[in-house]
Protein backbone atom coordinates (compact mmCIF):
# COMPACT_ATOMS: atom_id res chain seq x y z
CA UNK A 1 64.38 14.26 -21.99
CA UNK A 2 61.73 14.10 -19.26
CA UNK A 3 62.37 13.41 -15.56
CA UNK A 4 59.88 10.54 -15.62
CA UNK A 5 61.94 8.54 -13.07
CA UNK A 6 63.30 11.44 -10.98
CA UNK A 7 64.64 10.10 -7.69
CA UNK A 8 63.70 6.49 -8.46
CA UNK A 9 66.18 3.81 -7.34
CA UNK A 10 66.62 1.19 -10.15
CA UNK A 11 68.43 -2.11 -10.61
CA UNK A 12 69.15 -3.28 -14.16
CA UNK A 13 70.57 -6.81 -14.44
CA UNK A 14 72.49 -7.68 -17.65
CA UNK A 15 73.27 -3.97 -17.71
CA UNK A 16 76.74 -4.23 -19.21
CA UNK A 17 75.57 -4.48 -22.82
CA UNK A 18 72.62 -4.71 -25.17
CA UNK A 19 69.08 -4.01 -23.94
CA UNK A 20 70.29 -3.74 -20.36
CA UNK A 21 72.94 -1.07 -21.04
CA UNK A 22 70.50 0.86 -23.23
CA UNK A 23 67.87 0.75 -20.41
CA UNK A 24 70.37 1.83 -17.78
CA UNK A 25 71.25 4.88 -19.90
CA UNK A 26 67.65 5.75 -20.45
CA UNK A 27 66.68 5.35 -16.78
CA UNK A 28 69.57 7.61 -15.77
CA UNK A 29 68.84 10.17 -18.42
CA UNK A 30 65.27 10.40 -17.07
CA UNK A 31 66.40 11.04 -13.49
CA UNK A 32 66.80 7.54 -11.95
CA UNK A 33 69.71 6.32 -9.77
CA UNK A 34 70.84 3.05 -11.34
CA UNK A 35 72.63 -0.01 -10.12
CA UNK A 36 74.08 -1.81 -13.20
CA UNK A 37 74.41 -5.47 -12.29
CA UNK A 38 76.33 -7.88 -14.49
CA UNK A 39 79.09 -10.42 -14.35
CA UNK A 40 80.86 -8.54 -17.18
CA UNK A 41 83.04 -5.84 -15.80
CA UNK A 42 82.44 -3.58 -18.82
CA UNK A 43 79.30 -2.67 -16.89
CA UNK A 44 81.67 -0.44 -14.92
CA UNK A 45 82.35 1.47 -18.14
CA UNK A 46 78.61 1.87 -18.73
CA UNK A 47 78.24 3.35 -15.23
CA UNK A 48 81.21 5.65 -15.72
CA UNK A 49 79.80 7.03 -18.97
CA UNK A 50 76.38 7.60 -17.32
CA UNK A 51 78.08 9.58 -14.54
CA UNK A 52 80.18 11.50 -17.04
CA UNK A 53 76.97 12.55 -18.76
CA UNK A 54 75.59 13.91 -15.50
CA UNK A 55 73.60 10.79 -14.40
CA UNK A 56 73.88 8.62 -11.33
CA UNK A 57 74.93 5.02 -11.67
CA UNK A 58 77.08 2.38 -9.88
CA UNK A 59 78.28 -1.00 -11.11
CA UNK A 60 77.74 -4.14 -9.08
CA UNK A 61 79.39 -7.42 -10.23
CA UNK A 62 76.96 -10.31 -9.86
CA UNK A 63 76.56 -13.94 -10.65
CA UNK A 64 72.76 -14.01 -11.13
CA UNK A 65 72.61 -17.71 -10.38
CA UNK A 66 73.95 -17.06 -6.89
CA UNK A 67 71.46 -16.19 -4.11
CA UNK A 68 74.22 -14.48 -2.14
CA UNK A 69 75.19 -12.32 -5.12
CA UNK A 70 71.54 -11.33 -5.78
CA UNK A 71 71.06 -10.39 -2.20
CA UNK A 72 74.22 -8.30 -2.35
CA UNK A 73 73.06 -6.61 -5.56
CA UNK A 74 69.86 -5.43 -3.82
CA UNK A 75 71.81 -4.41 -0.75
CA UNK A 76 73.98 -2.26 -3.06
CA UNK A 77 70.89 -0.32 -4.17
CA UNK A 78 69.83 0.10 -0.57
CA UNK A 79 73.27 1.21 0.65
CA UNK A 80 73.98 3.48 -2.33
CA UNK A 81 70.55 5.03 -2.84
CA UNK A 82 68.47 4.24 0.24
CA UNK A 83 66.05 1.75 -1.26
CA UNK A 84 64.68 0.16 -4.40
CA UNK A 85 61.76 1.30 -6.49
CA UNK A 86 62.20 -0.41 -9.89
CA UNK A 87 63.99 -3.57 -11.14
CA UNK A 88 64.54 -4.52 -14.73
CA UNK A 89 65.60 -8.19 -14.61
CA UNK A 90 67.17 -8.55 -17.99
CA UNK A 91 70.21 -10.80 -17.59
CA UNK A 92 70.22 -13.87 -19.77
CA UNK A 93 72.37 -16.19 -21.90
CA UNK A 94 71.71 -17.72 -25.31
CA UNK A 95 70.42 -21.21 -26.01
CA UNK A 96 72.43 -24.31 -26.76
CA UNK A 97 71.62 -24.61 -30.48
CA UNK A 98 71.12 -28.38 -30.48
CA UNK A 99 68.39 -31.02 -30.56
CA UNK A 100 66.56 -31.37 -27.17
CA UNK A 101 67.77 -34.97 -26.49
CA UNK A 102 71.36 -34.07 -27.43
CA UNK A 103 71.67 -31.24 -24.97
CA UNK A 104 74.00 -32.15 -22.01
CA UNK A 105 72.49 -31.87 -18.56
CA UNK A 106 75.05 -29.34 -17.49
CA UNK A 107 74.12 -27.09 -20.45
CA UNK A 108 70.44 -27.35 -19.55
CA UNK A 109 71.19 -26.54 -15.89
CA UNK A 110 73.32 -23.51 -16.87
CA UNK A 111 70.76 -22.01 -19.24
CA UNK A 112 67.76 -22.56 -17.00
CA UNK A 113 69.87 -21.50 -13.97
CA UNK A 114 70.71 -18.15 -15.52
CA UNK A 115 67.57 -17.37 -17.49
CA UNK A 116 64.88 -18.51 -15.03
CA UNK A 117 66.46 -19.07 -11.61
CA UNK A 118 68.19 -15.72 -11.77
CA UNK A 119 64.82 -13.99 -12.17
CA UNK A 120 63.46 -15.91 -9.16
CA UNK A 121 66.52 -15.02 -7.06
CA UNK A 122 66.50 -11.38 -8.12
CA UNK A 123 62.81 -10.97 -7.35
CA UNK A 124 63.20 -12.74 -4.06
CA UNK A 125 65.39 -9.96 -2.70
CA UNK A 126 63.98 -7.06 -4.79
CA UNK A 127 60.46 -7.75 -3.52
CA UNK A 128 61.60 -7.77 0.08
CA UNK A 129 63.20 -4.35 -0.41
CA UNK A 130 60.18 -2.98 -2.25
CA UNK A 131 57.84 -4.10 0.49
CA UNK A 132 59.88 -1.88 2.84
CA UNK A 133 59.20 1.06 0.48
CA UNK A 134 55.49 0.36 0.26
CA UNK A 135 55.65 -0.87 -3.31
CA UNK A 136 57.56 -0.90 -6.55
CA UNK A 137 57.73 -2.12 -10.17
CA UNK A 138 59.50 -5.17 -11.67
CA UNK A 139 59.98 -5.85 -15.36
CA UNK A 140 61.28 -9.28 -16.29
CA UNK A 141 62.76 -10.02 -19.72
CA UNK A 142 61.45 -13.12 -21.43
CA UNK A 143 61.46 -13.49 -25.20
CA UNK A 144 59.20 -14.38 -28.12
CA UNK A 145 60.78 -17.80 -27.51
CA UNK A 146 58.72 -17.80 -24.28
CA UNK A 147 55.57 -17.88 -26.37
CA UNK A 148 56.28 -20.70 -28.80
CA UNK A 149 58.72 -23.49 -29.51
CA UNK A 150 61.93 -23.02 -31.48
CA UNK A 151 63.94 -25.91 -32.98
CA UNK A 152 67.30 -26.42 -31.29
CA UNK A 153 66.39 -24.25 -28.29
CA UNK A 154 64.60 -26.49 -25.86
CA UNK A 155 66.28 -25.20 -22.67
CA UNK A 156 66.25 -21.54 -23.80
CA UNK A 157 62.55 -21.67 -24.69
CA UNK A 158 61.72 -23.50 -21.55
CA UNK A 159 63.50 -20.92 -19.44
CA UNK A 160 61.74 -18.03 -21.18
CA UNK A 161 58.32 -19.74 -20.83
CA UNK A 162 59.17 -20.14 -17.20
CA UNK A 163 59.94 -16.43 -16.73
CA UNK A 164 56.47 -15.59 -18.04
CA UNK A 165 54.64 -18.09 -15.77
CA UNK A 166 56.66 -17.13 -12.71
CA UNK A 167 56.06 -13.44 -13.33
CA UNK A 168 52.31 -13.93 -13.69
CA UNK A 169 52.14 -15.83 -10.44
CA UNK A 170 54.28 -13.33 -8.56
CA UNK A 171 52.25 -10.46 -10.01
CA UNK A 172 49.12 -11.90 -8.35
CA UNK A 173 51.04 -12.55 -5.12
CA UNK A 174 52.15 -8.95 -4.66
CA UNK A 175 49.79 -6.56 -6.50
CA UNK A 176 47.81 -6.16 -3.33
CA UNK A 177 50.96 -4.85 -1.62
CA UNK A 178 51.74 -2.27 -4.27
CA UNK A 179 54.22 -4.22 -6.36
CA UNK A 180 53.52 -4.43 -10.14
CA UNK A 181 55.25 -7.13 -12.11
CA UNK A 182 55.20 -7.39 -15.97
CA UNK A 183 57.21 -9.09 -18.66
CA UNK A 184 58.97 -7.80 -21.78
CA UNK A 185 59.10 -10.30 -24.67
CA UNK A 186 61.56 -9.03 -27.22
CA UNK A 187 61.85 -10.25 -30.77
CA UNK A 188 65.06 -10.19 -32.72
CA UNK A 189 67.28 -7.42 -31.37
CA UNK A 190 70.71 -6.34 -32.49
CA UNK A 191 72.64 -7.37 -29.42
CA UNK A 192 75.96 -9.10 -28.77
CA UNK A 193 74.13 -12.31 -27.84
CA UNK A 194 72.21 -12.47 -31.11
CA UNK A 195 75.31 -11.39 -33.08
CA UNK A 196 77.05 -14.62 -31.96
CA UNK A 197 74.24 -16.66 -33.50
CA UNK A 198 74.16 -14.54 -36.65
CA UNK A 199 77.75 -15.44 -37.47
CA UNK A 200 76.24 -18.60 -38.90
CA UNK A 201 74.94 -17.57 -42.35
CA UNK A 202 72.08 -20.07 -42.27
CA UNK A 203 70.86 -18.79 -38.91
CA UNK A 204 71.27 -15.18 -40.03
CA UNK A 205 69.18 -15.79 -43.13
CA UNK A 206 66.55 -17.58 -41.13
CA UNK A 207 66.38 -14.79 -38.50
CA UNK A 208 66.06 -12.01 -41.09
CA UNK A 209 63.53 -13.80 -43.23
CA UNK A 210 61.27 -14.15 -40.18
CA UNK A 211 61.14 -10.36 -39.58
CA UNK A 212 57.96 -8.90 -41.17
CA UNK A 213 59.33 -5.43 -40.39
CA UNK A 214 62.47 -6.27 -42.37
CA UNK A 215 65.10 -5.55 -39.73
CA UNK A 216 66.19 -6.24 -36.20
CA UNK A 217 65.23 -4.01 -33.32
CA UNK A 218 67.83 -1.79 -31.73
CA UNK A 219 68.58 -2.19 -27.99
CA UNK A 220 67.31 1.32 -27.57
CA UNK A 221 63.90 0.38 -28.92
CA UNK A 222 63.56 -2.44 -26.44
CA UNK A 223 64.76 -0.18 -23.68
CA UNK A 224 61.91 2.18 -24.50
CA UNK A 225 59.43 -0.61 -24.08
CA UNK A 226 60.98 -1.70 -20.75
CA UNK A 227 60.80 1.89 -19.48
CA UNK A 228 57.15 2.11 -20.47
CA UNK A 229 56.44 -1.03 -18.35
CA UNK A 230 58.42 0.50 -15.44
CA UNK A 231 56.61 3.82 -15.58
CA UNK A 232 53.24 5.10 -14.39
CA UNK A 233 52.12 5.04 -18.03
CA UNK A 234 51.51 1.30 -17.56
CA UNK A 235 50.03 1.65 -14.10
CA UNK A 236 47.04 -0.66 -14.87
CA UNK A 237 49.15 -3.38 -16.43
CA UNK A 238 49.63 -6.37 -14.08
CA UNK A 239 51.18 -9.72 -15.08
CA UNK A 240 51.23 -8.75 -18.73
CA UNK A 241 53.69 -10.30 -21.21
CA UNK A 242 54.22 -7.46 -23.64
CA UNK A 243 55.45 -8.60 -27.10
CA UNK A 244 57.75 -6.21 -29.01
CA UNK A 245 58.75 -8.13 -32.08
CA UNK A 246 58.25 -6.25 -35.32
CA UNK A 247 55.26 -8.47 -36.22
CA UNK A 248 57.04 -11.80 -35.82
CA UNK A 249 54.30 -13.50 -33.71
CA UNK A 250 51.34 -12.28 -35.82
CA UNK A 251 52.39 -14.02 -39.02
């Protein structure tokens, strides 16, 4: 494995499982020092395994809807590693699975609060730290649901559309100060979050029939795309929403 990220200080939110955990492992294997931020304490196990394999990682518990927690998360990177170079803002929760007008206000607030506000709060403190370094790279996770509507997913789709719009605006705000911001838009990926939905046979059949490639992505495949966006290989990409979906959106 290359040392593409040798010495880089990285935060991965939602790093306890799925795409986030896969990305944390890849960053560490390529030389980065990683803060794994998640409200799930199994993120500590991910960090332990990275360290046991010879990498460098620490776990930081965080409620991504809390400004104080997001500030503490960034402070952990600074205190542990001396600064912040890269952030992969990947933490999210699933949609409500109900008609738009039937969705309770508190459910809407929770989904938008995690999926969109958390990216805003994370960037708020990450950008401040990166400006002190003279620059950095941020990759925000949206979804193919951020590109089109999906029945029964009004709040989820709204939150993921919002991540793209927010990221594009922030990219223009800060590219002149050396901070690149791009977006990863995953298609169906074999994560714990999707597995919950796939327990419903009708949903599982619908999801699989929509995949031109004939399968779900692995978390490792999405992690590879995230690392590309975080690397110098994508140095001329700014405010781009990169779709990685096995052909779903070109049907």
